[in-house]
Amino acid sequence: MAAYYIDSLPATVDTGPGSPTGMAYYDTLLFRPSTTLVFVADWALGHINAVKLERDGASYKAKVTPFLKGRRSM
């Protein structure tokens, strides 16, 4: 998505269409090798994504991996 204002920063990561409903920060030793994750819930797709943030200068870059996918019934 293009920035509309000159003082807008680009998105850290684009997850595509969806309906984000919540986030949780997780910092423990249970999930290796990354111990610091942000879990992002998406109501529209029924997913929970794990987002790993890495420093990139004064900002961050992110890698998104599916953590949990719900079953869709139609």
Protein backbone atom coordinates (compact mmCIF):
# COMPACT_ATOMS: atom_id res chain seq x y z
CA MET A 1 0.00 0.00 0.00
CA ALA A 2 1.40 3.38 -0.96
CA ALA A 3 1.93 6.05 1.67
CA TYR A 4 -0.35 9.05 1.24
CA TYR A 5 1.66 11.54 3.28
CA ILE A 6 5.31 12.45 3.09
CA ASP A 7 5.77 11.80 6.83
CA SER A 8 4.27 8.27 6.67
CA LEU A 9 6.52 5.27 7.18
CA PRO A 10 6.14 2.11 5.11
CA ALA A 11 4.53 -0.94 6.69
CA THR A 12 6.87 -3.31 8.51
CA VAL A 13 5.18 -6.29 6.82
CA ASP A 14 2.17 -6.67 4.55
CA THR A 15 -0.02 -9.64 5.47
CA GLY A 16 -2.58 -9.03 2.75
CA PRO A 17 -6.35 -8.81 3.15
CA GLY A 18 -7.90 -9.80 6.45
CA SER A 19 -9.35 -8.50 9.67
CA PRO A 20 -6.77 -8.24 12.45
CA THR A 21 -8.41 -8.53 15.85
CA GLY A 22 -5.65 -8.84 18.42
CA MET A 23 -1.98 -9.18 19.19
CA ALA A 24 0.09 -10.79 21.94
CA TYR A 25 3.80 -10.40 22.65
CA TYR A 26 5.58 -13.64 23.56
CA ASP A 27 9.07 -13.83 25.03
CA THR A 28 10.04 -17.24 26.45
CA LEU A 29 12.06 -20.35 25.69
CA LEU A 30 9.23 -22.63 24.51
CA PHE A 31 9.43 -21.92 20.76
CA ARG A 32 12.95 -22.28 19.40
CA PRO A 33 15.02 -20.87 17.71
CA SER A 34 13.13 -17.57 18.01
CA THR A 35 12.09 -16.71 21.53
CA THR A 36 10.56 -13.31 20.83
CA LEU A 37 7.39 -13.38 18.74
CA VAL A 38 4.29 -11.30 18.20
CA PHE A 39 1.16 -13.36 17.61
CA VAL A 40 -1.44 -11.66 15.40
CA ALA A 41 -5.00 -12.96 15.20
CA ASP A 42 -6.99 -12.57 11.99
CA TRP A 43 -10.73 -13.03 12.37
CA ALA A 44 -11.65 -12.98 8.66
CA LEU A 45 -9.27 -15.79 7.67
CA GLY A 46 -9.35 -17.70 10.97
CA HIS A 47 -5.55 -17.58 11.33
CA ILE A 48 -3.05 -16.77 14.02
CA ASN A 49 0.26 -15.65 12.54
CA ALA A 50 3.61 -15.59 14.32
CA VAL A 51 5.62 -12.49 13.47
CA LYS A 52 9.36 -12.42 14.13
CA LEU A 53 10.80 -8.91 14.24
CA GLU A 54 14.45 -8.19 13.45
CA ARG A 55 16.25 -4.90 13.79
CA ASP A 56 16.87 -3.10 10.51
CA GLY A 57 18.70 0.13 11.29
CA ALA A 58 16.37 2.43 13.22
CA SER A 59 13.34 0.30 12.31
CA TYR A 60 12.42 -3.38 11.99
CA LYS A 61 11.80 -5.95 9.30
CA ALA A 62 9.46 -8.85 9.91
CA LYS A 63 8.92 -12.44 8.86
CA VAL A 64 5.39 -13.84 9.10
CA THR A 65 4.69 -17.55 9.46
CA PRO A 66 1.31 -19.22 10.03
CA PHE A 67 1.05 -20.49 13.59
CA LEU A 68 -2.52 -21.76 13.63
CA LYS A 69 -5.18 -22.06 10.92
CA GLY A 70 -8.83 -22.55 11.71
CA ARG A 71 -11.21 -24.75 9.79
CA ARG A 72 -13.61 -22.89 7.51
CA SER A 73 -17.14 -24.23 7.25
CA MET A 74 -19.52 -23.04 4.56
